[in-house]
Amino acid sequence: MFSYICDFNLRVSGREAEGYITRILREWPPLYDELPGVRGTLLLANAFALAGEYSYRWRVDLDSFETLQRIDDALKSEEQRWRKARAEWFETRAAVRARLLSHDSGAKEYCRERLPDREGLIHYILTYGTGGGGYKHPSSAN
C-alpha cells in the first residue's frame, strides 16, 4: 500500500480559507473514491504550527503506482468536477510539497475508519530520509 501525501498552504486565510477547506472536504473525497485503487482520503490541519511550515496535509491511500496514474489522469481530465477542483486548487493554493510513501504494514483501511472515539486524536506520521547523510551518533567514528 502507498500514501500520496500533499502538504500545502493557501493564498487565503480566515473565513475564505475556512470556506475553501470546508468545500473541498465535501467535494474531494467522493471524487477520489470513484477512482479504482483509492483506499481513502484524509485532510489534516496544522494545529498550533506543530506540523511545521505547512498548514494542511492531504493524504490519499493507494493500492499501487497505477492508482497514482489514475489520479493524475483524473486531475488532467476535462470532466467538469475535476476541472473545477483543479482550477480552484491552482487559484487558492500557495506552497506545496508532495511525496509518495510505501507502507510495510499498518492499517490498510486507516483513512476509511470511522470510529466514534477517533475524533480529536493526534495522528503521528513518522518519516525518515535515505539521502545518504543520515543520523550519526556522536560517539560513532567517522
C-alpha atoms as a PDB file:
ATOM      1  CA  MET A   1       0.000   0.000   0.000  1.00  0.00           C
ATOM      2  CA  PHE A   2       1.084   3.572  -0.656  1.00  0.00           C
ATOM      3  CA  SER A   3       0.096   7.004   0.596  1.00  0.00           C
ATOM      4  CA  TYR A   4       0.284  10.124  -1.526  1.00  0.00           C
ATOM      5  CA  ILE A   5       0.949  12.969   0.895  1.00  0.00           C
ATOM      6  CA  CYS A   6       0.491  16.568  -0.176  1.00  0.00           C
ATOM      7  CA  ASP A   7       1.441  19.284   2.313  1.00  0.00           C
ATOM      8  CA  PHE A   8       0.234  22.736   1.335  1.00  0.00           C
ATOM      9  CA  ASN A   9      -0.524  26.309   2.289  1.00  0.00           C
ATOM     10  CA  LEU A  10      -3.267  28.535   0.940  1.00  0.00           C
ATOM     11  CA  ARG A  11      -3.046  32.025  -0.557  1.00  0.00           C
ATOM     12  CA  VAL A  12      -6.086  32.948   1.511  1.00  0.00           C
ATOM     13  CA  SER A  13      -6.761  32.982   5.239  1.00  0.00           C
ATOM     14  CA  GLY A  14      -9.566  33.392   7.742  1.00  0.00           C
ATOM     15  CA  ARG A  15     -13.128  32.841   6.536  1.00  0.00           C
ATOM     16  CA  GLU A  16     -12.028  32.458   2.932  1.00  0.00           C
ATOM     17  CA  ALA A  17      -9.628  29.626   3.820  1.00  0.00           C
ATOM     18  CA  GLU A  18     -12.237  28.023   6.084  1.00  0.00           C
ATOM     19  CA  GLY A  19     -14.805  28.144   3.269  1.00  0.00           C
ATOM     20  CA  TYR A  20     -12.407  26.577   0.768  1.00  0.00           C
ATOM     21  CA  ILE A  21     -11.320  23.805   3.147  1.00  0.00           C
ATOM     22  CA  THR A  22     -14.943  23.055   4.076  1.00  0.00           C
ATOM     23  CA  ARG A  23     -15.892  22.832   0.396  1.00  0.00           C
ATOM     24  CA  ILE A  24     -13.021  20.518  -0.580  1.00  0.00           C
ATOM     25  CA  LEU A  25     -13.822  18.275   2.387  1.00  0.00           C
ATOM     26  CA  ARG A  26     -17.276  17.772   0.848  1.00  0.00           C
ATOM     27  CA  GLU A  27     -16.174  17.529  -2.783  1.00  0.00           C
ATOM     28  CA  TRP A  28     -12.780  15.815  -2.964  1.00  0.00           C
ATOM     29  CA  PRO A  29     -13.356  12.526  -1.084  1.00  0.00           C
ATOM     30  CA  PRO A  30     -16.238  11.436  -3.386  1.00  0.00           C
ATOM     31  CA  LEU A  31     -14.128  12.287  -6.457  1.00  0.00           C
ATOM     32  CA  TYR A  32     -11.190  10.227  -5.232  1.00  0.00           C
ATOM     33  CA  ASP A  33     -13.444   7.376  -4.062  1.00  0.00           C
ATOM     34  CA  GLU A  34     -14.619   6.901  -7.664  1.00  0.00           C
ATOM     35  CA  LEU A  35     -11.087   6.015  -8.780  1.00  0.00           C
ATOM     36  CA  PRO A  36     -10.201   2.313  -8.648  1.00  0.00           C
ATOM     37  CA  GLY A  37      -7.408   1.638  -6.167  1.00  0.00           C
ATOM     38  CA  VAL A  38      -8.062   4.588  -3.836  1.00  0.00           C
ATOM     39  CA  ARG A  39      -8.483   3.254  -0.307  1.00  0.00           C
ATOM     40  CA  GLY A  40      -9.434   6.540   1.337  1.00  0.00           C
ATOM     41  CA  THR A  41      -8.588  10.177   1.913  1.00  0.00           C
ATOM     42  CA  LEU A  42      -7.815  12.303   4.934  1.00  0.00           C
ATOM     43  CA  LEU A  43      -7.299  16.059   5.396  1.00  0.00           C
ATOM     44  CA  LEU A  44      -5.304  17.226   8.399  1.00  0.00           C
ATOM     45  CA  ALA A  45      -4.904  20.816   9.564  1.00  0.00           C
ATOM     46  CA  ASN A  46      -1.747  22.048  11.264  1.00  0.00           C
ATOM     47  CA  ALA A  47      -2.690  22.807  14.866  1.00  0.00           C
ATOM     48  CA  PHE A  48      -0.559  25.416  16.604  1.00  0.00           C
ATOM     49  CA  ALA A  49       2.186  25.092  13.945  1.00  0.00           C
ATOM     50  CA  LEU A  50       3.232  21.739  15.411  1.00  0.00           C
ATOM     51  CA  ALA A  51       3.474  20.115  11.972  1.00  0.00           C
ATOM     52  CA  GLY A  52       5.990  22.557  10.548  1.00  0.00           C
ATOM     53  CA  GLU A  53       5.803  25.068   7.728  1.00  0.00           C
ATOM     54  CA  TYR A  54       2.654  23.752   6.001  1.00  0.00           C
ATOM     55  CA  SER A  55      -0.873  24.429   7.207  1.00  0.00           C
ATOM     56  CA  TYR A  56      -2.621  21.423   5.644  1.00  0.00           C
ATOM     57  CA  ARG A  57      -1.929  17.826   4.688  1.00  0.00           C
ATOM     58  CA  TRP A  58      -3.982  15.875   2.140  1.00  0.00           C
ATOM     59  CA  ARG A  59      -3.457  12.111   2.305  1.00  0.00           C
ATOM     60  CA  VAL A  60      -4.701   9.603  -0.238  1.00  0.00           C
ATOM     61  CA  ASP A  61      -4.112   5.907   0.452  1.00  0.00           C
ATOM     62  CA  LEU A  62      -3.476   3.911  -2.732  1.00  0.00           C
ATOM     63  CA  ASP A  63      -3.243   0.280  -3.762  1.00  0.00           C
ATOM     64  CA  SER A  64      -0.449   0.776  -6.309  1.00  0.00           C
ATOM     65  CA  PHE A  65       1.524   3.101  -8.567  1.00  0.00           C
ATOM     66  CA  GLU A  66      -1.188   2.582 -11.182  1.00  0.00           C
ATOM     67  CA  THR A  67      -3.639   4.258  -8.821  1.00  0.00           C
ATOM     68  CA  LEU A  68      -1.381   7.306  -8.704  1.00  0.00           C
ATOM     69  CA  GLN A  69      -1.513   7.373 -12.523  1.00  0.00           C
ATOM     70  CA  ARG A  70      -5.331   7.216 -12.377  1.00  0.00           C
ATOM     71  CA  ILE A  71      -5.336  10.221 -10.049  1.00  0.00           C
ATOM     72  CA  ASP A  72      -3.036  12.117 -12.397  1.00  0.00           C
ATOM     73  CA  ASP A  73      -5.255  11.257 -15.377  1.00  0.00           C
ATOM     74  CA  ALA A  74      -8.366  12.384 -13.477  1.00  0.00           C
ATOM     75  CA  LEU A  75      -6.742  15.656 -12.447  1.00  0.00           C
ATOM     76  CA  LYS A  76      -5.881  16.372 -16.093  1.00  0.00           C
ATOM     77  CA  SER A  77      -9.269  15.267 -17.405  1.00  0.00           C
ATOM     78  CA  GLU A  78     -11.933  17.521 -18.851  1.00  0.00           C
ATOM     79  CA  GLU A  79     -14.616  16.059 -16.576  1.00  0.00           C
ATOM     80  CA  GLN A  80     -16.414  19.070 -15.077  1.00  0.00           C
ATOM     81  CA  ARG A  81     -15.961  18.216 -11.374  1.00  0.00           C
ATOM     82  CA  TRP A  82     -12.225  17.540 -11.782  1.00  0.00           C
ATOM     83  CA  ARG A  83     -11.782  20.701 -13.910  1.00  0.00           C
ATOM     84  CA  LYS A  84     -13.459  22.763 -11.176  1.00  0.00           C
ATOM     85  CA  ALA A  85     -11.371  21.162  -8.406  1.00  0.00           C
ATOM     86  CA  ARG A  86      -8.167  21.692 -10.419  1.00  0.00           C
ATOM     87  CA  ALA A  87      -8.944  25.354 -11.239  1.00  0.00           C
ATOM     88  CA  GLU A  88      -9.803  26.199  -7.623  1.00  0.00           C
ATOM     89  CA  TRP A  89      -6.711  24.354  -6.374  1.00  0.00           C
ATOM     90  CA  PHE A  90      -4.324  26.303  -8.607  1.00  0.00           C
ATOM     91  CA  GLU A  91      -6.050  29.567  -7.746  1.00  0.00           C
ATOM     92  CA  THR A  92      -6.148  29.002  -3.980  1.00  0.00           C
ATOM     93  CA  ARG A  93      -3.015  27.106  -3.039  1.00  0.00           C
ATOM     94  CA  ALA A  94       0.390  28.637  -2.341  1.00  0.00           C
ATOM     95  CA  ALA A  95       3.360  26.457  -1.347  1.00  0.00           C
ATOM     96  CA  VAL A  96       3.040  22.709  -1.953  1.00  0.00           C
ATOM     97  CA  ARG A  97       5.219  19.694  -1.184  1.00  0.00           C
ATOM     98  CA  ALA A  98       4.180  16.161  -2.140  1.00  0.00           C
ATOM     99  CA  ARG A  99       5.665  12.698  -1.676  1.00  0.00           C
ATOM    100  CA  LEU A 100       4.737   9.073  -2.008  1.00  0.00           C
ATOM    101  CA  LEU A 101       5.179   6.740   0.955  1.00  0.00           C
ATOM    102  CA  SER A 102       5.252   2.968   0.859  1.00  0.00           C
ATOM    103  CA  HIS A 103       3.791   1.114   3.852  1.00  0.00           C
ATOM    104  CA  ASP A 104       5.439  -2.068   5.010  1.00  0.00           C
ATOM    105  CA  SER A 105       2.493  -2.794   7.263  1.00  0.00           C
ATOM    106  CA  GLY A 106      -0.272  -0.993   9.048  1.00  0.00           C
ATOM    107  CA  ALA A 107      -3.988  -0.420   8.793  1.00  0.00           C
ATOM    108  CA  LYS A 108      -4.930  -0.641   5.126  1.00  0.00           C
ATOM    109  CA  GLU A 109      -8.291   0.975   5.833  1.00  0.00           C
ATOM    110  CA  TYR A 110      -6.908   3.749   8.070  1.00  0.00           C
ATOM    111  CA  CYS A 111      -8.431   6.635   6.079  1.00  0.00           C
ATOM    112  CA  ARG A 112     -11.813   4.903   5.897  1.00  0.00           C
ATOM    113  CA  GLU A 113     -12.162   4.079   9.585  1.00  0.00           C
ATOM    114  CA  ARG A 114     -14.974   5.954  11.271  1.00  0.00           C
ATOM    115  CA  LEU A 115     -14.545   5.118  14.903  1.00  0.00           C
ATOM    116  CA  PRO A 116     -16.593   7.130  17.408  1.00  0.00           C
ATOM    117  CA  ASP A 117     -13.532   7.804  19.561  1.00  0.00           C
ATOM    118  CA  ARG A 118     -11.290   8.810  16.617  1.00  0.00           C
ATOM    119  CA  GLU A 119     -12.332  12.473  16.603  1.00  0.00           C
ATOM    120  CA  GLY A 120      -9.785  14.702  18.275  1.00  0.00           C
ATOM    121  CA  LEU A 121      -6.967  12.198  18.167  1.00  0.00           C
ATOM    122  CA  ILE A 122      -3.461  13.291  17.245  1.00  0.00           C
ATOM    123  CA  HIS A 123      -2.137  11.460  14.205  1.00  0.00           C
ATOM    124  CA  TYR A 124       1.614  10.831  14.199  1.00  0.00           C
ATOM    125  CA  ILE A 125       3.447  10.439  10.934  1.00  0.00           C
ATOM    126  CA  LEU A 126       6.948   9.032  11.186  1.00  0.00           C
ATOM    127  CA  THR A 127       9.272   9.533   8.229  1.00  0.00           C
ATOM    128  CA  TYR A 128      12.942   9.201   7.638  1.00  0.00           C
ATOM    129  CA  GLY A 129      15.366  10.257   4.958  1.00  0.00           C
ATOM    130  CA  THR A 130      17.518   7.897   2.956  1.00  0.00           C
ATOM    131  CA  GLY A 131      19.534  10.526   1.132  1.00  0.00           C
ATOM    132  CA  GLY A 132      22.917   9.250   2.274  1.00  0.00           C
ATOM    133  CA  GLY A 133      23.603  11.621   5.174  1.00  0.00           C
ATOM    134  CA  GLY A 134      21.513  10.037   7.854  1.00  0.00           C
ATOM    135  CA  TYR A 135      21.950  10.332  11.564  1.00  0.00           C
ATOM    136  CA  LYS A 136      25.341   9.620  13.095  1.00  0.00           C
ATOM    137  CA  HIS A 137      25.575   9.067  16.788  1.00  0.00           C
ATOM    138  CA  PRO A 138      28.132  11.472  18.336  1.00  0.00           C
ATOM    139  CA  SER A 139      30.165   8.536  19.647  1.00  0.00           C
ATOM    140  CA  SER A 140      30.460   6.831  16.248  1.00  0.00           C
ATOM    141  CA  ALA A 141      33.698   7.033  14.295  1.00  0.00           C
ATOM    142  CA  ASN A 142      33.810   8.946  11.003  1.00  0.00           C
END
